[in-house]
Each structure stands twice: as C-alpha cells, then as structure tokens.
C-alpha cells in the first residue's frame, strides 16, 4: 500500500509501506478518505508521538470499506461502509482499527463527509457529556468554535439543549458558528472574550468551558464559570502555564479536567463510540447534525493540505481523498 511518511526536515512523502494486517478483534479498512487534525501537525514536528503499539503513520480517523476482519470480529464483514476512530494510520490506503472504534457511515453521507466525524464528534461528546456530565439547559463556552471539535460541539450543544458561546479568529467564523447554533461569539483577534462572554454567562456563570487553548485563557475561564462549573482542558495552543486563583476554585467548587482521547484504552473508546452511535448518529441521518467540511485534497497534496490547516483560516475539517 501507499501511505504518508515523515522524512527529512519534517517533509511529507506518499510512499510504499507494508499493508497492515488486522489482529484479533480488529478490522482492516480500505481507506477512501481521512481527515486532518491539529494533532497530526504536532506529530509531524515530533511533538506528539503515537501511543505504544499504534501506527506511526499520521491520521486519527478514516472512512472506507471493510477489507478484512480479524479473529473474533462479529459485527463487520467485507464490503461494509464504515468510518473509524484511529490511534494512528489514517494517512494510508489501508488502516486497522479495533472493532469497537468503527461505526457505520450514516445514511446519505459521502466518504469525505463521513471522514469528518469520528475524531471531532468523539472528542466533543466525550468531554461535554461524559467527562463534564453536561445536563440539559446548562451553558457552554466553546473556544476555537470554528474548528472541527468546535463545530461538532456547537451542534451537540444545540441538539441536547445547551446554549453555547464561542470564540474564534474572525468575524466570518463567528457568523458560521452562530449559523450552526451558537448564541453569540467573540473574535479573539479584535476583542477580549471575557467582556462579551460575561453577558452570555449572566450572574450565575457558565457551567462548562471546553478549552483547547490552555494557559492564555485560564484566568478568564475561571472568572466565567459559575458554582459547580467545569473547565475541560483538551489542548495547550495558548501556553503551558498560568496563574490560577485557587480561592475561586474553592468558593465556586470548580473542577478542572484534563482530557485526551488518543491514548485511552480500547474499551473506553468503544463506549464513547457506542454512545455516539446511539445518541448522535440518528441526528446525523436526520440532518439535525452535519459534518462541516471545509476543503478536500487528494492525499498526494498532503503538504498543501497541512499548509491550509496551519493557516487558521478553515471552518470545520480538511479532508484527504485516497485513491487506490
């Protein structure tokens, strides 16, 4: 098969590599589309190595057809159209995934749109509704609202009755987020989000903040959270450290939750995917929730695709189409 390799000076090359074989409990997927995540950009630079046992090929999700099944696999058969959450290996013509990390392509979706789903909806759902136990009516702030995770989170919040406020890096992005269901937003390039978000938060504060930014937003996040509020930290784009007012943490009974998805045990990922299939997939089939696709590149144009992803101009996902 062919796959994307990182070569000298972090350059990328579409080269021949051995085709993986599914182990017991795994499936082999003939990949037709995969999607780019910021974790891929970090891995390319040597800053986010794959967990032990995972493929060192980039790519945390894919869509395609089942090519083979390992021992003990009962749900899937050759030819089934699926999308999958991966620990690595998506930038390739074939990828392996545990049976429980695989879901059917929702009816009516193209492979390119299906490839937009697994990583961002698993991340958003996990952190909003499992880690933070978000309840109907509770308020949410979503930083990087126009990102893949952000656009997924906005739609989940709307579908499950949670008013949301976003931050994003442009007025066009704020408008897109509002169109998806956010109540309001702040352009991080031209305004301080604390002031606009305070109006959304009201006297009682917000219940959840989903934050991929980290240190740069910590103090304002804590100010905006209400009694029993939860800050779920999923990234560190804005710095590794910041001062924390512990008096507010105690007085408001706050919870600060650190969360990653990639290295979680197979059984935990299977439970997340099962909840997605039960609660979110029907809303995708009905059109209430949709994958947000910015641009599709042939995988051979991986360098240009990564450049676009790095530009911070996209809304939703950048997808790579894979030919055989």
Protein backbone atom coordinates (compact mmCIF):
# COMPACT_ATOMS: atom_id res chain seq x y z
CA UNK A 1 0.00 0.00 0.00
CA UNK A 2 0.94 3.66 -0.07
CA UNK A 3 1.00 5.91 2.99
CA UNK A 4 2.28 9.32 4.04
CA UNK A 5 5.71 9.18 5.69
CA UNK A 6 7.53 11.95 7.53
CA UNK A 7 11.01 12.25 6.00
CA UNK A 8 13.96 14.60 6.50
CA UNK A 9 13.20 18.11 7.79
CA UNK A 10 9.60 17.08 8.60
CA UNK A 11 8.74 16.87 4.89
CA UNK A 12 5.95 14.51 3.84
CA UNK A 13 6.11 11.82 1.17
CA UNK A 14 3.44 9.48 -0.31
CA UNK A 15 5.47 6.26 -0.36
CA UNK A 16 5.14 2.49 -0.39
CA UNK A 17 4.76 0.83 3.00
CA UNK A 18 3.69 -2.66 4.15
CA UNK A 19 -0.06 -3.18 4.36
CA UNK A 20 -1.10 -3.83 7.97
CA UNK A 21 -2.98 -6.98 8.92
CA UNK A 22 -5.87 -6.99 11.40
CA UNK A 23 -5.17 -8.71 14.72
CA UNK A 24 -7.86 -10.43 16.77
CA UNK A 25 -10.71 -8.01 17.42
CA UNK A 26 -9.59 -5.64 14.65
CA UNK A 27 -10.72 -4.81 11.13
CA UNK A 28 -8.75 -3.72 8.07
CA UNK A 29 -10.29 -0.72 6.33
CA UNK A 30 -9.70 0.20 2.70
CA UNK A 31 -9.43 3.94 3.23
CA UNK A 32 -11.26 6.25 0.84
CA UNK A 33 -10.97 9.43 2.90
CA UNK A 34 -9.17 10.61 6.02
CA UNK A 35 -9.17 13.96 7.81
CA UNK A 36 -6.51 16.25 9.26
CA UNK A 37 -6.40 17.12 12.95
CA UNK A 38 -4.08 19.52 14.74
CA UNK A 39 -2.56 16.52 16.50
CA UNK A 40 -1.22 15.47 13.09
CA UNK A 41 0.64 18.76 12.70
CA UNK A 42 2.19 18.24 16.14
CA UNK A 43 3.13 14.64 15.38
CA UNK A 44 4.78 15.73 12.13
CA UNK A 45 7.05 18.05 14.12
CA UNK A 46 7.92 15.33 16.65
CA UNK A 47 5.84 16.89 19.44
CA UNK A 48 3.05 14.30 19.74
CA UNK A 49 4.29 10.72 19.29
CA UNK A 50 1.72 7.94 18.86
CA UNK A 51 0.90 5.82 21.91
CA UNK A 52 2.69 2.48 22.32
CA UNK A 53 1.54 -0.07 19.76
CA UNK A 54 -0.13 2.47 17.44
CA UNK A 55 0.90 3.07 13.84
CA UNK A 56 3.50 5.80 13.41
CA UNK A 57 1.64 6.96 10.30
CA UNK A 58 -0.42 10.09 10.98
CA UNK A 59 -4.20 10.10 10.79
CA UNK A 60 -6.71 9.73 13.63
CA UNK A 61 -9.83 8.90 11.61
CA UNK A 62 -10.89 7.50 8.28
CA UNK A 63 -13.82 6.35 6.17
CA UNK A 64 -13.89 3.47 3.71
CA UNK A 65 -14.91 -0.15 3.33
CA UNK A 66 -14.04 -3.22 5.38
CA UNK A 67 -11.32 -5.16 3.54
CA UNK A 68 -10.74 -7.94 6.10
CA UNK A 69 -11.66 -8.86 9.68
CA UNK A 70 -9.57 -10.38 12.43
CA UNK A 71 -10.47 -13.30 14.66
CA UNK A 72 -13.43 -12.69 16.93
CA UNK A 73 -14.92 -9.81 14.94
CA UNK A 74 -18.67 -10.37 14.68
CA UNK A 75 -20.25 -7.05 13.70
CA UNK A 76 -18.44 -6.25 10.46
CA UNK A 77 -17.94 -8.07 7.18
CA UNK A 78 -16.00 -7.37 4.00
CA UNK A 79 -17.56 -4.56 1.98
CA UNK A 80 -19.29 -2.76 4.86
CA UNK A 81 -19.05 1.03 4.59
CA UNK A 82 -17.62 2.42 7.84
CA UNK A 83 -15.84 5.30 9.50
CA UNK A 84 -13.39 4.77 12.32
CA UNK A 85 -11.59 6.42 15.20
CA UNK A 86 -7.88 5.57 14.99
CA UNK A 87 -4.84 5.86 17.23
CA UNK A 88 -2.85 6.42 14.04
CA UNK A 89 -2.52 5.15 10.48
CA UNK A 90 -5.25 7.06 8.66
CA UNK A 91 -2.99 8.72 6.07
CA UNK A 92 -2.78 5.49 4.08
CA UNK A 93 -4.62 3.27 1.62
CA UNK A 94 -5.35 0.75 4.40
CA UNK A 95 -5.72 1.15 8.17
CA UNK A 96 -6.55 -1.16 11.07
CA UNK A 97 -8.95 -0.32 13.88
CA UNK A 98 -10.46 -2.15 16.87
CA UNK A 99 -13.97 -3.38 16.14
CA UNK A 100 -15.49 -1.09 18.76
CA UNK A 101 -13.88 2.04 17.26
CA UNK A 102 -15.75 1.52 13.98
CA UNK A 103 -19.21 2.86 13.14
CA UNK A 104 -21.36 2.63 10.01
CA UNK A 105 -21.26 5.55 7.57
CA UNK A 106 -24.50 7.44 8.30
CA UNK A 107 -27.04 7.06 5.53
CA UNK A 108 -26.76 9.78 2.89
CA UNK A 109 -23.16 10.82 3.64
CA UNK A 110 -20.23 10.69 1.23
CA UNK A 111 -16.98 9.13 2.37
CA UNK A 112 -15.41 12.59 2.54
CA UNK A 113 -18.14 13.76 4.92
CA UNK A 114 -18.01 10.54 6.95
CA UNK A 115 -14.26 11.03 7.47
CA UNK A 116 -15.09 14.32 9.23
CA UNK A 117 -17.00 12.59 12.02
CA UNK A 118 -15.08 10.17 14.28
CA UNK A 119 -12.33 12.22 15.92
CA UNK A 120 -14.13 15.52 16.44
CA UNK A 121 -17.52 14.15 17.48
CA UNK A 122 -15.88 11.62 19.80
CA UNK A 123 -13.77 14.40 21.34
CA UNK A 124 -16.65 16.84 21.74
CA UNK A 125 -19.11 14.26 23.06
CA UNK A 126 -16.61 12.68 25.44
CA UNK A 127 -15.63 15.95 27.03
CA UNK A 128 -19.02 17.62 27.13
CA UNK A 129 -21.33 14.76 28.05
CA UNK A 130 -19.12 12.15 29.71
CA UNK A 131 -16.25 14.00 31.39
CA UNK A 132 -18.28 17.12 32.28
CA UNK A 133 -21.65 15.36 32.56
CA UNK A 134 -23.36 18.30 30.90
CA UNK A 135 -27.09 18.46 31.63
CA UNK A 136 -29.90 19.93 29.55
CA UNK A 137 -30.12 23.69 29.98
CA UNK A 138 -26.55 24.17 31.21
CA UNK A 139 -24.49 26.83 29.42
CA UNK A 140 -21.31 26.13 27.46
CA UNK A 141 -18.38 28.17 26.16
CA UNK A 142 -16.51 26.57 23.27
CA UNK A 143 -13.12 28.04 22.45
CA UNK A 144 -11.92 27.62 18.83
CA UNK A 145 -15.56 27.35 17.85
CA UNK A 146 -14.87 27.14 14.10
CA UNK A 147 -12.51 24.18 14.47
CA UNK A 148 -13.56 20.61 13.85
CA UNK A 149 -14.19 19.97 17.54
CA UNK A 150 -15.81 23.38 17.93
CA UNK A 151 -18.29 22.93 15.08
CA UNK A 152 -19.14 19.47 16.42
CA UNK A 153 -19.57 20.85 19.94
CA UNK A 154 -21.88 23.66 18.82
CA UNK A 155 -24.18 21.20 17.10
CA UNK A 156 -24.18 18.76 20.02
CA UNK A 157 -24.99 21.60 22.40
CA UNK A 158 -27.89 22.78 20.25
CA UNK A 159 -29.23 19.23 19.81
CA UNK A 160 -29.11 18.44 23.54
CA UNK A 161 -30.43 21.75 24.85
CA UNK A 162 -27.27 23.59 25.92
CA UNK A 163 -26.91 27.29 24.99
CA UNK A 164 -23.39 27.95 23.68
CA UNK A 165 -20.99 30.86 23.21
CA UNK A 166 -17.86 30.60 21.07
CA UNK A 167 -14.54 32.26 20.47
CA UNK A 168 -12.94 32.17 17.02
CA UNK A 169 -10.38 34.02 14.93
CA UNK A 170 -12.57 36.04 12.57
CA UNK A 171 -15.99 37.62 12.14
CA UNK A 172 -16.75 35.15 9.33
CA UNK A 173 -16.05 32.30 11.70
CA UNK A 174 -18.30 33.77 14.38
CA UNK A 175 -21.12 34.07 11.82
CA UNK A 176 -20.62 30.45 10.78
CA UNK A 177 -20.76 29.32 14.41
CA UNK A 178 -23.97 31.27 15.03
CA UNK A 179 -25.47 29.70 11.91
CA UNK A 180 -24.68 26.28 13.40
CA UNK A 181 -26.46 27.12 16.64
CA UNK A 182 -24.22 29.19 18.91
CA UNK A 183 -25.99 32.09 20.60
CA UNK A 184 -23.08 34.53 20.24
CA UNK A 185 -19.32 34.73 19.99
CA UNK A 186 -16.19 36.83 20.33
CA UNK A 187 -13.50 37.42 17.72
CA UNK A 188 -10.30 36.67 19.63
CA UNK A 189 -8.29 38.84 17.23
CA UNK A 190 -10.25 42.03 17.83
CA UNK A 191 -11.90 41.74 21.25
CA UNK A 192 -11.37 40.26 24.68
CA UNK A 193 -13.74 37.38 25.03
CA UNK A 194 -14.32 37.91 28.77
CA UNK A 195 -16.43 41.01 28.24
CA UNK A 196 -18.81 39.53 25.65
CA UNK A 197 -18.94 36.13 27.32
CA UNK A 198 -19.90 37.74 30.65
CA UNK A 199 -23.17 38.89 29.10
CA UNK A 200 -23.85 35.32 27.94
CA UNK A 201 -22.84 33.89 31.32
CA UNK A 202 -25.09 36.20 33.32
CA UNK A 203 -24.99 36.36 37.10
CA UNK A 204 -24.93 32.59 37.51
CA UNK A 205 -21.92 32.00 35.24
CA UNK A 206 -21.43 29.19 32.74
CA UNK A 207 -21.45 25.50 33.55
CA UNK A 208 -18.81 24.20 31.13
CA UNK A 209 -15.89 25.60 29.17
CA UNK A 210 -14.28 23.35 26.55
CA UNK A 211 -10.80 24.75 26.01
CA UNK A 212 -8.03 23.75 23.58
CA UNK A 213 -6.11 26.97 24.32
CA UNK A 214 -4.74 26.46 27.83
CA UNK A 215 -2.66 28.95 29.77
CA UNK A 216 -3.63 32.13 27.97
CA UNK A 217 -7.32 31.74 28.78
CA UNK A 218 -7.14 30.21 32.25
CA UNK A 219 -7.83 33.27 34.39
CA UNK A 220 -10.77 34.47 32.29
CA UNK A 221 -12.19 30.94 32.12
CA UNK A 222 -12.24 30.70 35.91
CA UNK A 223 -13.96 34.10 36.20
CA UNK A 224 -16.74 32.98 33.83
CA UNK A 225 -17.51 29.65 35.48
CA UNK A 226 -20.42 29.50 37.90
CA UNK A 227 -20.93 27.37 41.02
CA UNK A 228 -20.00 23.78 40.20
CA UNK A 229 -18.57 24.81 36.84
CA UNK A 230 -16.27 22.54 34.86
CA UNK A 231 -13.26 23.54 32.77
CA UNK A 232 -12.25 20.73 30.42
CA UNK A 233 -8.78 21.29 29.01
CA UNK A 234 -8.14 19.48 25.70
CA UNK A 235 -5.18 21.43 24.29
CA UNK A 236 -2.40 23.87 25.01
CA UNK A 237 -2.27 26.14 21.97
CA UNK A 238 -2.17 29.21 24.21
CA UNK A 239 0.55 28.16 26.62
CA UNK A 240 1.56 25.54 29.15
CA UNK A 241 1.17 27.54 32.36
CA UNK A 242 -0.72 30.40 34.01
CA UNK A 243 -1.61 31.65 37.47
CA UNK A 244 -4.75 30.11 38.96
CA UNK A 245 -6.88 31.84 41.60
CA UNK A 246 -7.40 28.90 43.94
CA UNK A 247 -9.82 30.90 46.09
CA UNK A 248 -12.26 30.97 43.16
CA UNK A 249 -11.77 27.25 42.61
CA UNK A 250 -12.73 26.60 46.25
CA UNK A 251 -15.53 29.15 46.51
CA UNK A 252 -17.21 28.07 43.27
CA UNK A 253 -16.46 24.35 43.77
CA UNK A 254 -14.91 24.21 40.31
CA UNK A 255 -13.49 21.19 38.56
CA UNK A 256 -10.53 21.46 36.17
CA UNK A 257 -10.41 18.33 34.00
CA UNK A 258 -7.54 17.39 31.72
CA UNK A 259 -8.59 15.14 28.86
CA UNK A 260 -7.09 13.43 25.84
CA UNK A 261 -8.70 10.83 23.58
CA UNK A 262 -5.95 9.17 21.57
CA UNK A 263 -4.25 7.11 24.28
CA UNK A 264 -7.41 5.93 26.08
CA UNK A 265 -7.92 2.18 26.41
CA UNK A 266 -9.76 0.39 23.61
CA UNK A 267 -12.72 -0.37 25.89
CA UNK A 268 -13.18 3.31 26.79
CA UNK A 269 -13.12 4.33 23.13
CA UNK A 270 -15.64 1.62 22.31
CA UNK A 271 -18.03 3.02 24.95
CA UNK A 272 -17.65 6.56 23.56
CA UNK A 273 -18.36 5.31 20.03
CA UNK A 274 -21.36 3.30 21.22
CA UNK A 275 -22.86 6.41 22.80
CA UNK A 276 -22.20 8.37 19.61
CA UNK A 277 -24.00 5.74 17.56
CA UNK A 278 -26.98 5.69 19.92
CA UNK A 279 -27.38 9.42 20.58
CA UNK A 280 -25.69 11.31 17.71
CA UNK A 281 -25.79 9.12 14.58
CA UNK A 282 -29.62 9.31 14.31
CA UNK A 283 -29.37 13.12 14.38
CA UNK A 284 -26.81 12.98 11.55
CA UNK A 285 -29.09 10.75 9.47
CA UNK A 286 -32.00 13.16 10.05
CA UNK A 287 -29.86 16.17 9.11
CA UNK A 288 -30.13 17.83 12.52
CA UNK A 289 -26.35 17.45 12.90
CA UNK A 290 -23.98 17.56 9.94
CA UNK A 291 -20.27 17.18 9.30
CA UNK A 292 -18.62 20.50 8.48
CA UNK A 293 -16.25 20.06 5.54
CA UNK A 294 -14.00 22.95 4.52
CA UNK A 295 -11.77 21.52 1.75
CA UNK A 296 -10.91 18.17 0.13
CA UNK A 297 -7.39 17.50 -1.19
CA UNK A 298 -6.04 14.42 -2.93
CA UNK A 299 -3.76 12.78 -0.36
CA UNK A 300 -0.84 13.27 -2.71
CA UNK A 301 -1.23 17.01 -2.00
CA UNK A 302 -0.67 16.46 1.72
CA UNK A 303 1.82 19.32 2.02
CA UNK A 304 -0.70 21.85 0.68
CA UNK A 305 -3.41 20.39 2.92
CA UNK A 306 -1.24 20.79 6.03
CA UNK A 307 -0.40 24.34 4.98
CA UNK A 308 -4.10 25.17 4.80
CA UNK A 309 -4.74 23.56 8.18
CA UNK A 310 -1.87 25.58 9.69
CA UNK A 311 -3.21 28.84 8.26
CA UNK A 312 -6.05 29.03 10.80
CA UNK A 313 -8.45 30.11 8.04
CA UNK A 314 -10.59 26.97 7.83
CA UNK A 315 -14.06 26.31 9.20
CA UNK A 316 -14.57 22.65 10.05
CA UNK A 317 -12.48 19.85 8.59
CA UNK A 318 -9.82 19.46 5.91
CA UNK A 319 -10.16 16.03 4.26
CA UNK A 320 -7.76 13.92 2.20
CA UNK A 321 -9.22 11.78 -0.58
CA UNK A 322 -7.41 8.44 -1.04
CA UNK A 323 -7.25 6.67 -4.41
CA UNK A 324 -6.36 3.00 -4.97
